[in-house]
Amino acid sequence: MANFDTTKSMVEIAEEYIRINGKQNIYHLLETVAEIKGIDREDTDRLTQLYIDMTLSADFVYCGNEEWDLKENNLELWDKDGSFFNKDEPLDEEDEDDIKLEDYYIPEEEDEELDLDDEEDEDEDEDEDDIVIDDDVKIYSTDDDDEDIDLDFDDDTYHDIMDDYEDMYEE
């Protein structure tokens, strides 16, 4: 292994390592940088930070199969138009002349089956409509917090409350 300057950042060491050795498996690269920097391989926080820094630096490119390379080594792909990556697949276009009425025709037998299915659904809806809830049953609240609130204010009580309210803000 070549001598690396351990005072450099982990990203700089990873970049230099790839520049010397070419495309690298990400796990091998992380282990190598950890070894160069003298970091314990179990220090997942620092290795995760290295991975994040690599992706954010925009100097590295994921090449598939967990391999990473420098973007500068792949400029021929970056210089191409996006259409380069599109595969030419033949389009299967139907001409209007090819469309026939039979394509949309439902035979009477299938139509009758569809009608039967609709009738079964209607029967189920009718069964649900037959359910009656007794209107005479009183429903009591089970909430302990319910209080009977007297909503019948007489005018005098209302005016007294409003006078107290106005007095609060005049002081």
Protein backbone atom coordinates (compact mmCIF):
# COMPACT_ATOMS: atom_id res chain seq x y z
CA MET A 1 0.00 0.00 0.00
CA ALA A 2 1.33 3.40 -0.93
CA ASN A 3 2.13 5.96 1.71
CA PHE A 4 -0.77 8.32 2.30
CA ASP A 5 -0.73 11.58 4.20
CA THR A 6 -2.76 10.77 7.33
CA THR A 7 -3.37 14.48 7.99
CA LYS A 8 -5.70 14.63 4.97
CA SER A 9 -9.42 14.13 5.38
CA MET A 10 -10.92 10.69 4.83
CA VAL A 11 -12.58 11.85 1.60
CA GLU A 12 -9.27 13.11 0.24
CA ILE A 13 -7.60 9.80 1.12
CA ALA A 14 -10.44 7.85 -0.56
CA GLU A 15 -10.09 10.03 -3.66
CA GLU A 16 -6.33 9.52 -3.78
CA TYR A 17 -6.71 5.76 -3.23
CA ILE A 18 -9.19 5.42 -6.12
CA ARG A 19 -6.99 7.60 -8.33
CA ILE A 20 -4.08 5.17 -7.74
CA ASN A 21 -5.98 1.85 -7.70
CA GLY A 22 -9.03 2.52 -9.88
CA LYS A 23 -12.61 1.47 -9.27
CA GLN A 24 -13.18 0.07 -5.75
CA ASN A 25 -15.79 -1.87 -3.84
CA ILE A 26 -17.28 0.52 -1.29
CA TYR A 27 -16.69 -1.83 1.67
CA HIS A 28 -13.07 -2.39 0.67
CA LEU A 29 -12.61 1.36 0.23
CA LEU A 30 -14.09 2.16 3.65
CA GLU A 31 -11.91 -0.47 5.34
CA THR A 32 -8.79 0.79 3.54
CA VAL A 33 -9.41 4.42 4.48
CA ALA A 34 -10.09 3.37 8.09
CA GLU A 35 -6.81 1.44 8.14
CA ILE A 36 -4.86 4.38 6.68
CA LYS A 37 -6.37 6.85 9.16
CA GLY A 38 -5.98 4.44 12.09
CA ILE A 39 -9.71 4.29 12.73
CA ASP A 40 -11.31 1.21 14.25
CA ARG A 41 -13.38 -0.66 11.63
CA GLU A 42 -16.20 -0.89 14.16
CA ASP A 43 -16.47 2.92 14.35
CA THR A 44 -19.60 2.98 12.22
CA ASP A 45 -20.29 6.65 12.90
CA ARG A 46 -17.09 7.83 11.25
CA LEU A 47 -17.33 5.32 8.38
CA THR A 48 -20.94 6.32 7.76
CA GLN A 49 -19.85 9.95 7.74
CA LEU A 50 -17.18 9.08 5.15
CA TYR A 51 -19.84 7.46 2.95
CA ILE A 52 -22.09 10.52 3.29
CA ASP A 53 -19.19 12.87 2.55
CA MET A 54 -18.31 10.85 -0.56
CA THR A 55 -21.83 11.06 -1.93
CA LEU A 56 -22.12 14.77 -1.16
CA SER A 57 -18.73 15.70 -2.57
CA ALA A 58 -19.86 14.96 -6.15
CA ASP A 59 -16.36 13.71 -6.97
CA PHE A 60 -17.37 10.06 -6.71
CA VAL A 61 -19.64 8.02 -8.96
CA TYR A 62 -21.50 4.83 -8.15
CA CYS A 63 -20.75 2.34 -10.94
CA GLY A 64 -23.02 -0.54 -9.92
CA ASN A 65 -22.15 -3.76 -8.09
CA GLU A 66 -21.21 -1.68 -5.03
CA GLU A 67 -18.24 -0.19 -6.89
CA TRP A 68 -17.28 3.48 -6.79
CA ASP A 69 -15.00 5.47 -9.04
CA LEU A 70 -14.03 9.08 -9.54
CA LYS A 71 -16.27 11.17 -11.74
CA GLU A 72 -13.22 12.39 -13.66
CA ASN A 73 -12.62 8.80 -14.83
CA ASN A 74 -16.12 8.65 -16.34
CA LEU A 75 -16.33 11.95 -18.18
CA GLU A 76 -17.18 10.26 -21.47
CA LEU A 77 -20.52 9.27 -19.94
CA TRP A 78 -21.09 12.68 -18.39
CA ASP A 79 -20.50 14.48 -21.68
CA LYS A 80 -23.15 12.49 -23.53
CA ASP A 81 -26.71 13.52 -23.99
CA GLY A 82 -29.20 11.67 -21.78
CA SER A 83 -30.62 9.97 -24.86
CA PHE A 84 -27.41 7.90 -25.00
CA PHE A 85 -28.72 5.86 -22.08
CA ASN A 86 -32.11 5.17 -23.65
CA LYS A 87 -32.34 1.77 -25.25
CA ASP A 88 -33.99 1.62 -28.62
CA GLU A 89 -36.99 -0.60 -28.17
CA PRO A 90 -39.44 -0.99 -31.00
CA LEU A 91 -42.79 0.57 -30.28
CA ASP A 92 -45.81 -1.61 -30.77
CA GLU A 93 -48.28 0.88 -32.15
CA GLU A 94 -51.72 -0.25 -33.18
CA ASP A 95 -53.07 1.32 -36.31
CA GLU A 96 -56.62 2.57 -36.19
CA ASP A 97 -57.40 0.17 -39.02
CA ASP A 98 -56.43 -2.78 -36.82
CA ILE A 99 -59.06 -1.98 -34.18
CA LYS A 100 -62.21 -3.98 -34.71
CA LEU A 101 -65.65 -3.84 -33.15
CA GLU A 102 -65.16 -7.40 -31.87
CA ASP A 103 -62.39 -6.12 -29.60
CA TYR A 104 -65.01 -4.16 -27.63
CA TYR A 105 -67.98 -6.48 -28.03
CA ILE A 106 -69.16 -8.39 -24.96
CA PRO A 107 -71.02 -11.59 -25.80
CA GLU A 108 -74.53 -11.89 -24.34
CA GLU A 109 -73.50 -14.74 -22.02
CA GLU A 110 -70.87 -12.59 -20.33
CA ASP A 111 -73.32 -9.69 -20.18
CA GLU A 112 -75.83 -11.87 -18.30
CA GLU A 113 -73.12 -12.90 -15.82
CA LEU A 114 -72.36 -9.25 -15.18
CA ASP A 115 -76.06 -8.54 -14.57
CA LEU A 116 -76.23 -11.38 -12.02
CA ASP A 117 -73.26 -9.97 -10.14
CA ASP A 118 -74.98 -6.57 -9.99
CA GLU A 119 -78.16 -8.15 -8.61
CA GLU A 120 -76.21 -9.87 -5.83
CA ASP A 121 -74.65 -6.54 -4.85
CA GLU A 122 -78.10 -4.92 -4.74
CA ASP A 123 -79.37 -7.72 -2.46
CA GLU A 124 -76.53 -7.05 -0.03
CA ASP A 125 -77.36 -3.32 -0.01
CA GLU A 126 -81.02 -4.07 0.75
CA ASP A 127 -80.01 -6.28 3.69
CA GLU A 128 -78.06 -3.40 5.16
CA ASP A 129 -81.06 -1.07 4.77
CA ASP A 130 -83.22 -3.45 6.83
CA ILE A 131 -81.23 -2.75 10.01
CA VAL A 132 -83.24 -0.48 12.31
CA ILE A 133 -81.95 1.22 15.39
CA ASP A 134 -84.49 1.75 18.15
CA ASP A 135 -85.07 5.50 18.43
CA ASP A 136 -86.67 5.23 21.87
CA VAL A 137 -83.52 4.02 23.59
CA LYS A 138 -81.82 6.75 25.59
CA ILE A 139 -78.10 6.97 25.11
CA TYR A 140 -76.09 7.93 28.15
CA SER A 141 -72.60 9.26 27.89
CA THR A 142 -69.85 7.20 29.42
CA ASP A 143 -67.50 10.15 29.73
CA ASP A 144 -66.82 11.11 33.33
CA ASP A 145 -65.90 14.61 32.23
CA ASP A 146 -69.36 15.44 30.94
CA GLU A 147 -70.99 18.23 32.86
CA ASP A 148 -74.43 19.60 32.40
CA ILE A 149 -73.96 23.08 31.05
CA ASP A 150 -76.79 25.49 31.47
CA LEU A 151 -77.07 27.27 28.14
CA ASP A 152 -80.13 29.26 29.14
CA PHE A 153 -78.64 32.67 30.02
CA ASP A 154 -80.98 35.28 31.15
CA ASP A 155 -80.22 38.82 30.06
CA ASP A 156 -79.28 40.05 33.53
CA THR A 157 -76.65 37.34 34.02
CA TYR A 158 -75.23 38.03 30.58
CA HIS A 159 -74.98 41.77 31.24
CA ASP A 160 -73.31 41.17 34.61
CA ILE A 161 -70.67 38.98 32.97
CA MET A 162 -70.02 41.51 30.23
CA ASP A 163 -69.77 44.37 32.74
CA ASP A 164 -67.17 42.41 34.71
CA TYR A 165 -65.29 41.75 31.49
CA GLU A 166 -65.28 45.44 30.55
CA ASP A 167 -64.15 46.42 34.05
CA MET A 168 -61.16 44.08 33.75
CA TYR A 169 -59.86 45.95 30.72
CA GLU A 170 -60.60 49.45 32.00
CA GLU A 171 -58.22 49.03 34.94
